[in-house]
Amino acid sequence: MFAIAQLREEEVTMLVQVIEVIITLAATYIIAKIVTRTLGKIFEKTPFPEEIEKGIIRVSKYVVYILGLFVVVGVLGVDLTSLIVGLGAFSIAISFATSTIIQNLVSGIIVLGEKAIEMGDTIQVRVGGMNYVGKVVKIGVRSTVIETEEGQTVFLPNSIFISNPLVRIEKAAKQEGETSTKKG
């Protein structure tokens, strides 16, 4: 018959650590679910496109999982100092490598939040000596797509709408109750 009293001290310590790890993993999973649901409910009330909402929810969930992993590693008795320093250096390298992407993502959120442009608007923006005029057909996480009068599809990084003058030539007509476009 197996009795806990027969276990050696190291075995008891290991058993306690295993139980702590299981509890930590379960708590991390539950917290990630709560964060996901809470953000989902918050985003139901916002005008952000679904792809931005999903991206923010996904990143938030990963942050919870990473924090849970740190707790698990700490429970196992591993010194986190060198791991945190290494991850800090890795994070700096990643942030430099993805700075343009991050800039476009943040700019996209600002453009959507301020409603500077909307689907169907005809806009004009000048970038590096080029003048782009067209109808907004898609506002994405990293870029906005316009279609020119010549039928060209142009993908514009969202950051240009923050750093360059933007002219809304024609505002899109409202879906309900409004049939003509407004100037503005």
C-alpha atoms as a PDB file:
ATOM      1  CA  MET A   1       0.000   0.000   0.000  1.00  0.00           C
ATOM      2  CA  PHE A   2       1.226   3.439  -0.951  1.00  0.00           C
ATOM      3  CA  ALA A   3       1.486   6.003   1.827  1.00  0.00           C
ATOM      4  CA  ILE A   4       2.592   9.601   1.659  1.00  0.00           C
ATOM      5  CA  ALA A   5       4.521   9.073   4.899  1.00  0.00           C
ATOM      6  CA  GLN A   6       6.808   6.636   3.074  1.00  0.00           C
ATOM      7  CA  LEU A   7       7.888   9.264   0.529  1.00  0.00           C
ATOM      8  CA  ARG A   8      11.255  10.879   0.890  1.00  0.00           C
ATOM      9  CA  GLU A   9      11.538  14.637   1.280  1.00  0.00           C
ATOM     10  CA  GLU A  10      12.672  15.132  -2.348  1.00  0.00           C
ATOM     11  CA  GLU A  11       9.723  13.136  -3.620  1.00  0.00           C
ATOM     12  CA  VAL A  12       7.287  15.184  -1.530  1.00  0.00           C
ATOM     13  CA  THR A  13       8.843  18.397  -2.828  1.00  0.00           C
ATOM     14  CA  MET A  14       8.547  17.155  -6.398  1.00  0.00           C
ATOM     15  CA  LEU A  15       4.929  16.092  -5.842  1.00  0.00           C
ATOM     16  CA  VAL A  16       4.087  19.531  -4.428  1.00  0.00           C
ATOM     17  CA  GLN A  17       5.764  21.186  -7.425  1.00  0.00           C
ATOM     18  CA  VAL A  18       3.787  19.024  -9.866  1.00  0.00           C
ATOM     19  CA  ILE A  19       0.546  19.954  -8.104  1.00  0.00           C
ATOM     20  CA  GLU A  20       1.514  23.658  -8.135  1.00  0.00           C
ATOM     21  CA  VAL A  21       2.330  23.450 -11.856  1.00  0.00           C
ATOM     22  CA  ILE A  22      -1.014  21.804 -12.622  1.00  0.00           C
ATOM     23  CA  ILE A  23      -2.889  24.431 -10.597  1.00  0.00           C
ATOM     24  CA  THR A  24      -0.919  27.244 -12.258  1.00  0.00           C
ATOM     25  CA  LEU A  25      -1.590  25.885 -15.748  1.00  0.00           C
ATOM     26  CA  ALA A  26      -5.296  25.508 -14.979  1.00  0.00           C
ATOM     27  CA  ALA A  27      -5.459  29.035 -13.541  1.00  0.00           C
ATOM     28  CA  THR A  28      -3.613  30.415 -16.565  1.00  0.00           C
ATOM     29  CA  TYR A  29      -6.063  28.727 -18.918  1.00  0.00           C
ATOM     30  CA  ILE A  30      -9.055  30.075 -16.966  1.00  0.00           C
ATOM     31  CA  ILE A  31      -7.611  33.601 -16.841  1.00  0.00           C
ATOM     32  CA  ALA A  32      -6.928  33.495 -20.598  1.00  0.00           C
ATOM     33  CA  LYS A  33     -10.561  32.463 -21.203  1.00  0.00           C
ATOM     34  CA  ILE A  34     -11.823  35.290 -18.971  1.00  0.00           C
ATOM     35  CA  VAL A  35      -9.614  37.847 -20.749  1.00  0.00           C
ATOM     36  CA  THR A  36     -10.765  36.567 -24.157  1.00  0.00           C
ATOM     37  CA  ARG A  37     -14.455  36.746 -23.237  1.00  0.00           C
ATOM     38  CA  THR A  38     -14.127  40.151 -21.566  1.00  0.00           C
ATOM     39  CA  LEU A  39     -12.331  41.665 -24.549  1.00  0.00           C
ATOM     40  CA  GLY A  40     -14.884  40.072 -26.885  1.00  0.00           C
ATOM     41  CA  LYS A  41     -17.719  41.768 -24.986  1.00  0.00           C
ATOM     42  CA  ILE A  42     -15.878  45.094 -24.990  1.00  0.00           C
ATOM     43  CA  PHE A  43     -15.227  44.865 -28.734  1.00  0.00           C
ATOM     44  CA  GLU A  44     -18.910  44.197 -29.448  1.00  0.00           C
ATOM     45  CA  LYS A  45     -19.424  47.884 -28.624  1.00  0.00           C
ATOM     46  CA  THR A  46     -16.540  49.255 -30.725  1.00  0.00           C
ATOM     47  CA  PRO A  47     -16.337  50.126 -34.426  1.00  0.00           C
ATOM     48  CA  PHE A  48     -13.053  48.275 -34.982  1.00  0.00           C
ATOM     49  CA  PRO A  49     -12.853  45.737 -37.801  1.00  0.00           C
ATOM     50  CA  GLU A  50     -13.075  42.121 -36.718  1.00  0.00           C
ATOM     51  CA  GLU A  51      -9.482  41.355 -37.747  1.00  0.00           C
ATOM     52  CA  ILE A  52      -8.105  44.028 -35.392  1.00  0.00           C
ATOM     53  CA  GLU A  53     -10.294  42.784 -32.558  1.00  0.00           C
ATOM     54  CA  LYS A  54      -9.163  39.188 -33.120  1.00  0.00           C
ATOM     55  CA  GLY A  55      -5.523  40.294 -33.220  1.00  0.00           C
ATOM     56  CA  ILE A  56      -5.767  42.179 -29.929  1.00  0.00           C
ATOM     57  CA  ILE A  57      -7.576  39.260 -28.284  1.00  0.00           C
ATOM     58  CA  ARG A  58      -4.971  36.790 -29.572  1.00  0.00           C
ATOM     59  CA  VAL A  59      -2.041  38.914 -28.336  1.00  0.00           C
ATOM     60  CA  SER A  60      -3.710  39.360 -24.929  1.00  0.00           C
ATOM     61  CA  LYS A  61      -4.242  35.608 -24.638  1.00  0.00           C
ATOM     62  CA  TYR A  62      -0.569  34.961 -25.473  1.00  0.00           C
ATOM     63  CA  VAL A  63       0.541  37.498 -22.863  1.00  0.00           C
ATOM     64  CA  VAL A  64      -1.485  35.622 -20.220  1.00  0.00           C
ATOM     65  CA  TYR A  65       0.037  32.296 -21.340  1.00  0.00           C
ATOM     66  CA  ILE A  66       3.575  33.721 -21.241  1.00  0.00           C
ATOM     67  CA  LEU A  67       3.020  35.118 -17.740  1.00  0.00           C
ATOM     68  CA  GLY A  68       1.664  31.717 -16.686  1.00  0.00           C
ATOM     69  CA  LEU A  69       4.765  30.073 -18.139  1.00  0.00           C
ATOM     70  CA  PHE A  70       6.962  32.405 -16.070  1.00  0.00           C
ATOM     71  CA  VAL A  71       5.058  31.396 -12.944  1.00  0.00           C
ATOM     72  CA  VAL A  72       5.466  27.691 -13.803  1.00  0.00           C
ATOM     73  CA  VAL A  73       9.198  28.119 -14.365  1.00  0.00           C
ATOM     74  CA  GLY A  74       9.442  29.955 -11.031  1.00  0.00           C
ATOM     75  CA  VAL A  75       7.517  27.158  -9.276  1.00  0.00           C
ATOM     76  CA  LEU A  76      10.005  24.646 -10.673  1.00  0.00           C
ATOM     77  CA  GLY A  77      12.800  26.614  -9.020  1.00  0.00           C
ATOM     78  CA  VAL A  78      14.474  27.919 -12.155  1.00  0.00           C
ATOM     79  CA  ASP A  79      16.196  31.293 -11.756  1.00  0.00           C
ATOM     80  CA  LEU A  80      14.208  33.712 -13.909  1.00  0.00           C
ATOM     81  CA  THR A  81      16.826  36.476 -13.966  1.00  0.00           C
ATOM     82  CA  SER A  82      18.831  35.182 -16.921  1.00  0.00           C
ATOM     83  CA  LEU A  83      15.647  34.139 -18.735  1.00  0.00           C
ATOM     84  CA  ILE A  84      14.134  37.614 -18.331  1.00  0.00           C
ATOM     85  CA  VAL A  85      17.361  39.306 -19.480  1.00  0.00           C
ATOM     86  CA  GLY A  86      17.491  37.030 -22.530  1.00  0.00           C
ATOM     87  CA  LEU A  87      13.848  37.676 -23.358  1.00  0.00           C
ATOM     88  CA  GLY A  88      14.411  41.407 -22.928  1.00  0.00           C
ATOM     89  CA  ALA A  89      17.233  41.356 -25.478  1.00  0.00           C
ATOM     90  CA  PHE A  90      15.115  39.201 -27.796  1.00  0.00           C
ATOM     91  CA  SER A  91      12.186  41.616 -27.426  1.00  0.00           C
ATOM     92  CA  ILE A  92      14.357  44.586 -28.348  1.00  0.00           C
ATOM     93  CA  ALA A  93      15.601  42.790 -31.467  1.00  0.00           C
ATOM     94  CA  ILE A  94      12.046  41.825 -32.455  1.00  0.00           C
ATOM     95  CA  SER A  95      10.756  45.362 -31.879  1.00  0.00           C
ATOM     96  CA  PHE A  96      13.424  46.788 -34.182  1.00  0.00           C
ATOM     97  CA  ALA A  97      12.657  44.164 -36.816  1.00  0.00           C
ATOM     98  CA  THR A  98       8.906  44.767 -36.667  1.00  0.00           C
ATOM     99  CA  SER A  99       8.822  48.509 -35.996  1.00  0.00           C
ATOM    100  CA  THR A 100       7.214  49.315 -39.366  1.00  0.00           C
ATOM    101  CA  ILE A 101       4.542  46.662 -38.884  1.00  0.00           C
ATOM    102  CA  ILE A 102       3.810  47.886 -35.365  1.00  0.00           C
ATOM    103  CA  GLN A 103       3.697  51.497 -36.597  1.00  0.00           C
ATOM    104  CA  ASN A 104       1.156  50.523 -39.274  1.00  0.00           C
ATOM    105  CA  LEU A 105      -0.938  48.523 -36.782  1.00  0.00           C
ATOM    106  CA  VAL A 106      -1.097  51.397 -34.307  1.00  0.00           C
ATOM    107  CA  SER A 107      -1.805  53.839 -37.131  1.00  0.00           C
ATOM    108  CA  GLY A 108      -4.603  51.585 -38.367  1.00  0.00           C
ATOM    109  CA  ILE A 109      -6.206  51.595 -34.936  1.00  0.00           C
ATOM    110  CA  ILE A 110      -5.919  55.398 -34.791  1.00  0.00           C
ATOM    111  CA  VAL A 111      -7.394  55.818 -38.285  1.00  0.00           C
ATOM    112  CA  LEU A 112     -10.301  53.542 -37.378  1.00  0.00           C
ATOM    113  CA  GLY A 113     -10.809  55.128 -33.973  1.00  0.00           C
ATOM    114  CA  GLU A 114     -10.811  58.693 -35.298  1.00  0.00           C
ATOM    115  CA  LYS A 115     -12.865  57.683 -38.336  1.00  0.00           C
ATOM    116  CA  ALA A 116     -10.561  59.860 -40.447  1.00  0.00           C
ATOM    117  CA  ILE A 117     -11.559  57.759 -43.435  1.00  0.00           C
ATOM    118  CA  GLU A 118     -14.301  55.225 -43.967  1.00  0.00           C
ATOM    119  CA  MET A 119     -15.151  52.632 -46.575  1.00  0.00           C
ATOM    120  CA  GLY A 120     -16.462  54.298 -49.715  1.00  0.00           C
ATOM    121  CA  ASP A 121     -14.784  57.676 -49.083  1.00  0.00           C
ATOM    122  CA  THR A 122     -12.859  59.209 -51.956  1.00  0.00           C
ATOM    123  CA  ILE A 123      -9.516  60.397 -50.612  1.00  0.00           C
ATOM    124  CA  GLN A 124      -6.312  62.053 -51.729  1.00  0.00           C
ATOM    125  CA  VAL A 125      -2.967  61.536 -50.023  1.00  0.00           C
ATOM    126  CA  ARG A 126       0.507  62.584 -51.105  1.00  0.00           C
ATOM    127  CA  VAL A 127       3.364  60.197 -50.356  1.00  0.00           C
ATOM    128  CA  GLY A 128       6.957  60.731 -51.427  1.00  0.00           C
ATOM    129  CA  GLY A 129       6.121  62.847 -54.458  1.00  0.00           C
ATOM    130  CA  MET A 130       3.249  60.602 -55.558  1.00  0.00           C
ATOM    131  CA  ASN A 131      -0.333  61.781 -55.363  1.00  0.00           C
ATOM    132  CA  TYR A 132      -2.853  59.006 -54.711  1.00  0.00           C
ATOM    133  CA  VAL A 133      -6.550  59.637 -55.330  1.00  0.00           C
ATOM    134  CA  GLY A 134      -9.109  56.887 -55.029  1.00  0.00           C
ATOM    135  CA  LYS A 135     -12.084  55.320 -53.345  1.00  0.00           C
ATOM    136  CA  VAL A 136     -11.439  53.453 -50.088  1.00  0.00           C
ATOM    137  CA  VAL A 137     -12.417  49.816 -50.636  1.00  0.00           C
ATOM    138  CA  LYS A 138     -10.866  48.266 -47.509  1.00  0.00           C
ATOM    139  CA  ILE A 139      -9.382  49.450 -44.245  1.00  0.00           C
ATOM    140  CA  GLY A 140      -7.226  46.682 -42.848  1.00  0.00           C
ATOM    141  CA  VAL A 141      -5.015  46.195 -39.845  1.00  0.00           C
ATOM    142  CA  ARG A 142      -1.790  47.190 -41.606  1.00  0.00           C
ATOM    143  CA  SER A 143      -2.947  48.907 -44.778  1.00  0.00           C
ATOM    144  CA  THR A 144      -5.814  50.634 -46.524  1.00  0.00           C
ATOM    145  CA  VAL A 145      -6.777  49.702 -50.074  1.00  0.00           C
ATOM    146  CA  ILE A 146      -7.996  52.321 -52.532  1.00  0.00           C
ATOM    147  CA  GLU A 147      -9.159  51.956 -56.095  1.00  0.00           C
ATOM    148  CA  THR A 148      -8.164  54.771 -58.445  1.00  0.00           C
ATOM    149  CA  GLU A 149     -10.298  56.181 -61.261  1.00  0.00           C
ATOM    150  CA  GLU A 150      -8.007  54.308 -63.653  1.00  0.00           C
ATOM    151  CA  GLY A 151      -9.030  51.039 -61.978  1.00  0.00           C
ATOM    152  CA  GLN A 152      -5.728  50.465 -60.183  1.00  0.00           C
ATOM    153  CA  THR A 153      -5.754  48.900 -56.741  1.00  0.00           C
ATOM    154  CA  VAL A 154      -3.317  50.669 -54.409  1.00  0.00           C
ATOM    155  CA  PHE A 155      -2.306  49.329 -50.994  1.00  0.00           C
ATOM    156  CA  LEU A 156      -1.317  52.196 -48.696  1.00  0.00           C
ATOM    157  CA  PRO A 157       0.342  51.537 -45.310  1.00  0.00           C
ATOM    158  CA  ASN A 158      -1.815  53.013 -42.543  1.00  0.00           C
ATOM    159  CA  SER A 159       1.117  54.991 -41.140  1.00  0.00           C
ATOM    160  CA  ILE A 160       0.984  57.380 -44.112  1.00  0.00           C
ATOM    161  CA  PHE A 161      -2.423  58.631 -42.981  1.00  0.00           C
ATOM    162  CA  ILE A 162      -0.872  59.741 -39.701  1.00  0.00           C
ATOM    163  CA  SER A 163       2.291  61.328 -41.120  1.00  0.00           C
ATOM    164  CA  ASN A 164       0.965  62.873 -44.367  1.00  0.00           C
ATOM    165  CA  PRO A 165      -1.832  65.324 -45.169  1.00  0.00           C
ATOM    166  CA  LEU A 166      -5.051  63.524 -46.046  1.00  0.00           C
ATOM    167  CA  VAL A 167      -7.896  65.066 -48.034  1.00  0.00           C
ATOM    168  CA  ARG A 168     -11.350  63.526 -47.969  1.00  0.00           C
ATOM    169  CA  ILE A 169     -12.678  64.555 -51.390  1.00  0.00           C
ATOM    170  CA  GLU A 170     -16.022  62.856 -51.009  1.00  0.00           C
ATOM    171  CA  LYS A 171     -17.612  61.187 -48.006  1.00  0.00           C
ATOM    172  CA  ALA A 172     -19.342  57.881 -48.601  1.00  0.00           C
ATOM    173  CA  ALA A 173     -23.137  57.868 -48.595  1.00  0.00           C
ATOM    174  CA  LYS A 174     -24.744  56.447 -45.472  1.00  0.00           C
ATOM    175  CA  GLN A 175     -26.294  53.010 -45.839  1.00  0.00           C
ATOM    176  CA  GLU A 176     -29.724  53.846 -44.488  1.00  0.00           C
ATOM    177  CA  GLY A 177     -31.793  56.899 -45.334  1.00  0.00           C
ATOM    178  CA  GLU A 178     -29.137  58.763 -47.285  1.00  0.00           C
ATOM    179  CA  THR A 179     -28.777  58.391 -51.024  1.00  0.00           C
ATOM    180  CA  SER A 180     -26.331  61.094 -52.050  1.00  0.00           C
ATOM    181  CA  THR A 181     -22.742  61.660 -51.034  1.00  0.00           C
ATOM    182  CA  LYS A 182     -21.664  64.565 -48.887  1.00  0.00           C
ATOM    183  CA  LYS A 183     -18.744  66.812 -49.709  1.00  0.00           C
ATOM    184  CA  GLY A 184     -16.364  67.183 -47.003  1.00  0.00           C
END
